[in-house]
Every structure is written in structure tokens, then in C-alpha cells.
């Protein structure tokens, strides 16, 4: 690679990172407050509620779903199920290098499991 090609690539990388997260996103204030309030009332920290709300609002906008309809659907879900759903939604909006984990209990109903001492 020549020095000129390296300079061009460096400029492209610099432009990419200079423009990263610079896209303006506008939401109705009532929708934002309702979404944040929903998660705060479900015992999420305020910082977590804000992050989750922003991701849900983005996803609802992408999927062309009314956020109030989405929140009504989530009202009937228990806290553990809600945490799992939130983790899956957040993972769909993250890089594969930093996924959130979900612990599942492994049910072992095999004959071999009776010989294992815990």
C-alpha cells in the first residue's frame, strides 16, 4: 500500500468517527416520559430506564409500532420476563462483541445426571 492510500483510509476513518452518533432523533416528549416512567415504576434505575426507553423508542420507530401499544403489551409481563425481553431487544441493537447475557436454569432429566454430585 502506498502512503497516499494510507492517508485516504485514515481520512475516511476519521470522517466516520466524527459523524458517528451525530444523527438527530426526535420523539414526542410525552412518549419519552411515559416510556421512562414505565421502567422506573418497574424498579429499573433511572439511568437504565432512560437507556432502555431510547432503544425501545428507536425500535418502535423502525418497526412503525405505537410506543403506547408496546407499553400496554409489556404491562402484563412479570419483572423477570420483562428483563429477559429488554435484554433481547438491547442485544438486537448492540454489536455482537458486547451482548448481554440471560441466565437460564438447565433442566437435566437424563439418566447420567443422577450420578453427578453437586
N, C-alpha and C. Protein backbone atom coordinates (compact mmCIF):
# COMPACT_ATOMS: atom_id res chain seq x y z
N UNK A 1 0.84 -1.18 0.00
CA UNK A 1 0.00 0.00 0.00
C UNK A 1 0.89 1.24 0.00
N UNK A 2 0.49 2.19 -0.78
CA UNK A 2 1.28 3.42 -0.83
C UNK A 2 0.87 4.37 0.28
N UNK A 3 1.71 5.36 0.51
CA UNK A 3 1.43 6.35 1.55
C UNK A 3 0.16 7.14 1.27
N UNK A 4 -0.14 7.38 0.00
CA UNK A 4 -1.34 8.15 -0.37
C UNK A 4 -2.60 7.37 -0.01
N UNK A 5 -2.59 6.04 -0.26
CA UNK A 5 -3.75 5.21 0.08
C UNK A 5 -3.96 5.18 1.59
N UNK A 6 -2.87 5.13 2.36
CA UNK A 6 -2.99 5.14 3.82
C UNK A 6 -3.61 6.44 4.31
N UNK A 7 -3.21 7.56 3.73
CA UNK A 7 -3.76 8.87 4.12
C UNK A 7 -5.25 8.92 3.80
N UNK A 8 -5.64 8.39 2.62
CA UNK A 8 -7.06 8.39 2.24
C UNK A 8 -7.87 7.53 3.21
N UNK A 9 -7.34 6.37 3.58
CA UNK A 9 -8.05 5.50 4.52
C UNK A 9 -8.17 6.14 5.90
N UNK A 10 -7.11 6.81 6.32
CA UNK A 10 -7.14 7.49 7.62
C UNK A 10 -8.18 8.60 7.61
N UNK A 11 -8.28 9.31 6.49
CA UNK A 11 -9.29 10.37 6.37
C UNK A 11 -10.70 9.80 6.43
N UNK A 12 -10.91 8.67 5.76
CA UNK A 12 -12.23 8.03 5.77
C UNK A 12 -12.60 7.57 7.18
N UNK A 13 -11.63 6.99 7.88
CA UNK A 13 -11.89 6.53 9.25
C UNK A 13 -12.20 7.72 10.15
N UNK A 14 -11.44 8.80 9.99
CA UNK A 14 -11.67 10.00 10.81
C UNK A 14 -13.06 10.57 10.54
N UNK A 15 -13.47 10.64 9.28
CA UNK A 15 -14.80 11.15 8.94
C UNK A 15 -15.90 10.26 9.52
N UNK A 16 -15.68 8.95 9.47
CA UNK A 16 -16.66 8.02 10.01
C UNK A 16 -16.89 8.28 11.50
N UNK A 17 -15.80 8.36 12.26
CA UNK A 17 -15.93 8.54 13.70
C UNK A 17 -16.34 9.96 14.08
N UNK A 18 -16.04 10.94 13.26
CA UNK A 18 -16.51 12.30 13.52
C UNK A 18 -18.03 12.40 13.37
N UNK A 19 -18.60 11.60 12.47
CA UNK A 19 -20.04 11.64 12.22
C UNK A 19 -20.81 10.58 12.98
N UNK A 20 -20.11 9.75 13.75
CA UNK A 20 -20.76 8.68 14.50
C UNK A 20 -21.67 9.26 15.57
N UNK A 21 -22.89 8.79 15.65
CA UNK A 21 -23.91 9.24 16.61
C UNK A 21 -24.25 10.72 16.46
N UNK A 22 -24.13 11.26 15.28
CA UNK A 22 -24.48 12.66 15.09
C UNK A 22 -25.86 12.83 14.46
N UNK A 23 -26.55 11.73 14.23
CA UNK A 23 -27.88 11.77 13.63
C UNK A 23 -28.90 12.27 14.66
N UNK A 24 -29.69 13.28 14.26
CA UNK A 24 -30.71 13.81 15.16
C UNK A 24 -31.93 12.90 15.16
N UNK A 25 -32.41 12.61 16.35
CA UNK A 25 -33.60 11.78 16.51
C UNK A 25 -34.60 12.56 17.34
N UNK A 26 -35.81 12.69 16.84
CA UNK A 26 -36.84 13.47 17.54
C UNK A 26 -38.00 12.57 17.94
N UNK A 27 -38.43 12.71 19.19
CA UNK A 27 -39.57 11.96 19.71
C UNK A 27 -40.47 12.92 20.46
N UNK A 28 -41.72 12.52 20.57
CA UNK A 28 -42.70 13.27 21.34
C UNK A 28 -42.31 13.19 22.82
N UNK A 29 -42.32 14.30 23.51
CA UNK A 29 -41.92 14.34 24.93
C UNK A 29 -42.81 13.44 25.79
N UNK A 30 -44.09 13.37 25.48
CA UNK A 30 -45.00 12.52 26.25
C UNK A 30 -44.63 11.04 26.10
N UNK A 31 -44.24 10.65 24.89
CA UNK A 31 -43.84 9.26 24.66
C UNK A 31 -42.57 8.93 25.43
N UNK A 32 -41.62 9.85 25.43
CA UNK A 32 -40.37 9.64 26.15
C UNK A 32 -40.63 9.52 27.65
N UNK A 33 -41.41 10.45 28.20
CA UNK A 33 -41.71 10.43 29.63
C UNK A 33 -42.48 9.18 30.02
N UNK A 34 -43.43 8.76 29.19
CA UNK A 34 -44.22 7.57 29.50
C UNK A 34 -43.34 6.32 29.48
N UNK A 35 -42.44 6.24 28.53
CA UNK A 35 -41.58 5.07 28.42
C UNK A 35 -40.58 5.00 29.57
N UNK A 36 -39.98 6.13 29.90
CA UNK A 36 -39.05 6.16 31.03
C UNK A 36 -39.80 5.85 32.33
N UNK A 37 -40.96 6.46 32.51
CA UNK A 37 -41.77 6.23 33.70
C UNK A 37 -42.19 4.78 33.86
N UNK A 38 -42.48 4.13 32.75
CA UNK A 38 -42.87 2.72 32.79
C UNK A 38 -41.76 1.88 33.42
N UNK A 39 -40.53 2.11 32.99
CA UNK A 39 -39.42 1.30 33.51
C UNK A 39 -39.00 1.72 34.92
N UNK A 40 -39.14 2.99 35.25
CA UNK A 40 -38.84 3.43 36.62
C UNK A 40 -39.85 2.80 37.57
N UNK A 41 -41.12 2.74 37.18
CA UNK A 41 -42.15 2.12 38.02
C UNK A 41 -41.97 0.61 38.14
N UNK A 42 -41.25 0.01 37.21
CA UNK A 42 -40.98 -1.42 37.26
C UNK A 42 -39.64 -1.72 37.93
N UNK A 43 -39.15 -0.78 38.76
CA UNK A 43 -37.95 -0.93 39.58
C UNK A 43 -36.64 -0.95 38.80
N UNK A 44 -36.60 -0.30 37.64
CA UNK A 44 -35.34 -0.10 36.93
C UNK A 44 -34.73 1.20 37.43
N UNK A 45 -33.39 1.29 37.47
CA UNK A 45 -32.72 2.54 37.81
C UNK A 45 -33.06 3.59 36.78
N UNK A 46 -32.97 4.85 37.16
CA UNK A 46 -33.35 5.92 36.23
C UNK A 46 -32.43 5.94 35.00
N UNK A 47 -31.12 5.71 35.19
CA UNK A 47 -30.21 5.66 34.06
C UNK A 47 -30.53 4.51 33.12
N UNK A 48 -30.81 3.35 33.69
CA UNK A 48 -31.18 2.19 32.88
C UNK A 48 -32.50 2.43 32.16
N UNK A 49 -33.44 3.05 32.86
CA UNK A 49 -34.74 3.32 32.26
C UNK A 49 -34.60 4.25 31.06
N UNK A 50 -33.73 5.25 31.17
CA UNK A 50 -33.51 6.19 30.05
C UNK A 50 -32.90 5.46 28.86
N UNK A 51 -31.89 4.62 29.11
CA UNK A 51 -31.26 3.87 28.02
C UNK A 51 -32.22 2.91 27.36
N UNK A 52 -32.97 2.19 28.16
CA UNK A 52 -33.92 1.22 27.62
C UNK A 52 -35.02 1.95 26.85
N UNK A 53 -35.47 3.07 27.38
CA UNK A 53 -36.52 3.83 26.71
C UNK A 53 -36.04 4.33 25.35
N UNK A 54 -34.80 4.81 25.28
CA UNK A 54 -34.31 5.30 24.00
C UNK A 54 -34.22 4.19 22.97
N UNK A 55 -33.80 3.01 23.40
CA UNK A 55 -33.70 1.88 22.47
C UNK A 55 -35.09 1.42 22.05
N UNK A 56 -36.03 1.36 22.99
CA UNK A 56 -37.39 0.96 22.63
C UNK A 56 -38.05 1.96 21.69
N UNK A 57 -37.82 3.24 21.93
CA UNK A 57 -38.38 4.26 21.04
C UNK A 57 -37.80 4.14 19.64
N UNK A 58 -36.50 3.89 19.55
CA UNK A 58 -35.87 3.70 18.24
C UNK A 58 -36.44 2.47 17.54
N UNK A 59 -36.56 1.37 18.28
CA UNK A 59 -37.05 0.13 17.69
C UNK A 59 -38.51 0.27 17.28
N UNK A 60 -39.31 0.95 18.08
CA UNK A 60 -40.72 1.15 17.75
C UNK A 60 -40.85 2.00 16.49
N UNK A 61 -39.97 2.99 16.37
CA UNK A 61 -39.99 3.84 15.17
C UNK A 61 -39.60 3.04 13.94
N UNK A 62 -38.58 2.18 14.07
CA UNK A 62 -38.15 1.34 12.95
C UNK A 62 -39.27 0.40 12.51
N UNK A 63 -39.94 -0.22 13.51
CA UNK A 63 -40.97 -1.20 13.22
C UNK A 63 -42.34 -0.57 12.97
N UNK A 64 -42.42 0.75 13.08
CA UNK A 64 -43.67 1.50 12.89
C UNK A 64 -44.78 1.00 13.81
N UNK A 65 -44.39 0.87 15.11
CA UNK A 65 -45.32 0.44 16.15
C UNK A 65 -45.52 1.60 17.11
N UNK A 66 -46.76 1.81 17.54
CA UNK A 66 -47.04 2.86 18.52
C UNK A 66 -46.43 2.47 19.86
N UNK A 67 -45.67 3.36 20.47
CA UNK A 67 -44.98 3.06 21.72
C UNK A 67 -45.95 2.78 22.86
N UNK A 68 -47.11 3.45 22.84
CA UNK A 68 -48.11 3.22 23.90
C UNK A 68 -48.68 1.80 23.78
N UNK A 69 -48.85 1.33 22.56
CA UNK A 69 -49.32 -0.03 22.34
C UNK A 69 -48.29 -1.04 22.86
N UNK A 70 -47.03 -0.74 22.61
CA UNK A 70 -45.95 -1.60 23.08
C UNK A 70 -45.90 -1.63 24.60
N UNK A 71 -46.03 -0.48 25.23
CA UNK A 71 -46.01 -0.43 26.70
C UNK A 71 -47.21 -1.15 27.30
N UNK A 72 -48.38 -1.04 26.66
CA UNK A 72 -49.56 -1.77 27.14
C UNK A 72 -49.34 -3.28 27.07
N UNK A 73 -48.64 -3.72 26.04
CA UNK A 73 -48.33 -5.14 25.91
C UNK A 73 -47.37 -5.59 27.01
N UNK A 74 -46.42 -4.73 27.36
CA UNK A 74 -45.44 -5.08 28.38
C UNK A 74 -45.99 -5.00 29.81
N UNK A 75 -47.13 -4.35 30.00
CA UNK A 75 -47.69 -4.20 31.35
C UNK A 75 -48.03 -5.52 32.01
N UNK A 76 -48.49 -6.48 31.25
CA UNK A 76 -48.93 -7.75 31.82
C UNK A 76 -47.81 -8.74 32.06
N UNK A 77 -46.58 -8.35 31.84
CA UNK A 77 -45.44 -9.27 31.94
C UNK A 77 -44.77 -9.11 33.30
N UNK A 78 -44.36 -10.25 33.88
CA UNK A 78 -43.66 -10.22 35.16
C UNK A 78 -42.27 -9.60 34.99
N UNK A 79 -41.67 -9.18 36.10
CA UNK A 79 -40.39 -8.48 36.07
C UNK A 79 -39.27 -9.31 35.46
N UNK A 80 -39.23 -10.60 35.77
CA UNK A 80 -38.16 -11.45 35.23
C UNK A 80 -38.32 -11.59 33.72
N UNK A 81 -39.54 -11.80 33.26
CA UNK A 81 -39.77 -11.89 31.82
C UNK A 81 -39.47 -10.56 31.14
N UNK A 82 -39.80 -9.46 31.80
CA UNK A 82 -39.53 -8.14 31.25
C UNK A 82 -38.02 -7.92 31.10
N UNK A 83 -37.25 -8.34 32.08
CA UNK A 83 -35.79 -8.21 32.00
C UNK A 83 -35.24 -9.02 30.83
N UNK A 84 -35.78 -10.20 30.62
CA UNK A 84 -35.34 -11.04 29.51
C UNK A 84 -35.67 -10.39 28.17
N UNK A 85 -36.87 -9.85 28.05
CA UNK A 85 -37.29 -9.19 26.82
C UNK A 85 -36.43 -7.96 26.56
N UNK A 86 -36.19 -7.19 27.60
CA UNK A 86 -35.36 -5.98 27.45
C UNK A 86 -33.94 -6.37 27.02
N UNK A 87 -33.39 -7.43 27.60
CA UNK A 87 -32.05 -7.88 27.22
C UNK A 87 -32.01 -8.30 25.76
N UNK A 88 -33.04 -8.98 25.29
CA UNK A 88 -33.08 -9.40 23.89
C UNK A 88 -33.19 -8.21 22.95
N UNK A 89 -34.00 -7.23 23.33
CA UNK A 89 -34.14 -6.03 22.49
C UNK A 89 -32.83 -5.26 22.46
N UNK A 90 -32.18 -5.14 23.62
CA UNK A 90 -30.91 -4.42 23.67
C UNK A 90 -29.82 -5.17 22.89
N UNK A 91 -29.83 -6.49 22.94
CA UNK A 91 -28.85 -7.27 22.18
C UNK A 91 -29.04 -7.10 20.68
N UNK A 92 -30.28 -6.92 20.25
CA UNK A 92 -30.53 -6.74 18.82
C UNK A 92 -30.02 -5.39 18.34
N UNK A 93 -29.78 -4.46 19.26
CA UNK A 93 -29.29 -3.14 18.91
C UNK A 93 -27.83 -2.93 19.31
N UNK A 94 -27.12 -4.01 19.62
CA UNK A 94 -25.72 -3.92 20.05
C UNK A 94 -24.82 -4.68 19.08
N UNK A 95 -23.54 -4.43 19.21
CA UNK A 95 -22.55 -5.19 18.47
C UNK A 95 -22.49 -6.60 19.05
N UNK A 96 -22.15 -7.57 18.21
CA UNK A 96 -22.03 -8.95 18.69
C UNK A 96 -20.87 -9.13 19.66
N UNK A 97 -20.02 -8.13 19.77
CA UNK A 97 -18.89 -8.22 20.68
C UNK A 97 -19.27 -7.94 22.13
N UNK A 98 -20.43 -7.31 22.35
CA UNK A 98 -20.81 -6.95 23.72
C UNK A 98 -22.28 -7.25 23.97
N UNK A 99 -22.63 -8.52 23.97
CA UNK A 99 -24.00 -8.93 24.19
C UNK A 99 -24.29 -9.08 25.68
N UNK A 100 -25.54 -8.87 26.05
CA UNK A 100 -25.98 -9.06 27.43
C UNK A 100 -26.40 -10.51 27.60
N UNK A 101 -26.05 -11.10 28.72
CA UNK A 101 -26.37 -12.50 28.96
C UNK A 101 -27.67 -12.68 29.71
N UNK A 102 -28.27 -13.81 29.48
CA UNK A 102 -29.51 -14.19 30.16
C UNK A 102 -29.28 -15.56 30.76
N UNK A 103 -29.45 -15.67 32.07
CA UNK A 103 -29.21 -16.94 32.74
C UNK A 103 -30.48 -17.80 32.66
N UNK A 104 -30.28 -19.00 32.23
CA UNK A 104 -31.39 -19.95 32.18
C UNK A 104 -31.01 -21.15 33.04
N UNK A 105 -31.98 -21.68 33.75
CA UNK A 105 -31.70 -22.88 34.52
C UNK A 105 -31.77 -24.07 33.59
N UNK A 106 -30.78 -24.92 33.69
CA UNK A 106 -30.72 -26.08 32.83
C UNK A 106 -31.37 -27.26 33.54
N UNK A 107 -32.39 -27.77 32.93
CA UNK A 107 -33.07 -28.93 33.49
C UNK A 107 -32.42 -30.18 32.91
N UNK A 108 -31.86 -31.00 33.78
CA UNK A 108 -31.22 -32.23 33.34
C UNK A 108 -32.08 -33.41 33.77
N UNK A 109 -32.68 -34.04 32.81
CA UNK A 109 -33.53 -35.18 33.09
C UNK A 109 -32.95 -36.45 32.48
N UNK A 110 -31.65 -36.52 32.44
CA UNK A 110 -31.02 -37.71 31.86
C UNK A 110 -30.65 -38.69 32.95
N UNK A 111 -30.45 -39.89 32.54
CA UNK A 111 -30.07 -40.94 33.48
C UNK A 111 -28.69 -40.65 34.06
N UNK A 112 -27.80 -40.06 33.23
CA UNK A 112 -26.45 -39.80 33.67
C UNK A 112 -26.40 -38.72 34.77
N UNK A 113 -27.38 -37.86 34.84
CA UNK A 113 -27.34 -36.77 35.80
C UNK A 113 -27.50 -37.26 37.24
N UNK A 114 -28.02 -38.45 37.43
CA UNK A 114 -28.17 -38.94 38.80
C UNK A 114 -26.84 -39.31 39.44
N UNK A 115 -25.82 -39.51 38.62
CA UNK A 115 -24.50 -39.86 39.12
C UNK A 115 -23.63 -38.65 39.41
N UNK A 116 -24.10 -37.48 39.06
CA UNK A 116 -23.30 -36.28 39.25
C UNK A 116 -23.61 -35.70 40.63
N UNK A 117 -22.56 -35.42 41.40
CA UNK A 117 -22.72 -34.85 42.74
C UNK A 117 -22.49 -33.36 42.63
N UNK A 118 -23.42 -32.59 43.11
CA UNK A 118 -23.33 -31.13 43.04
C UNK A 118 -22.75 -30.58 44.31
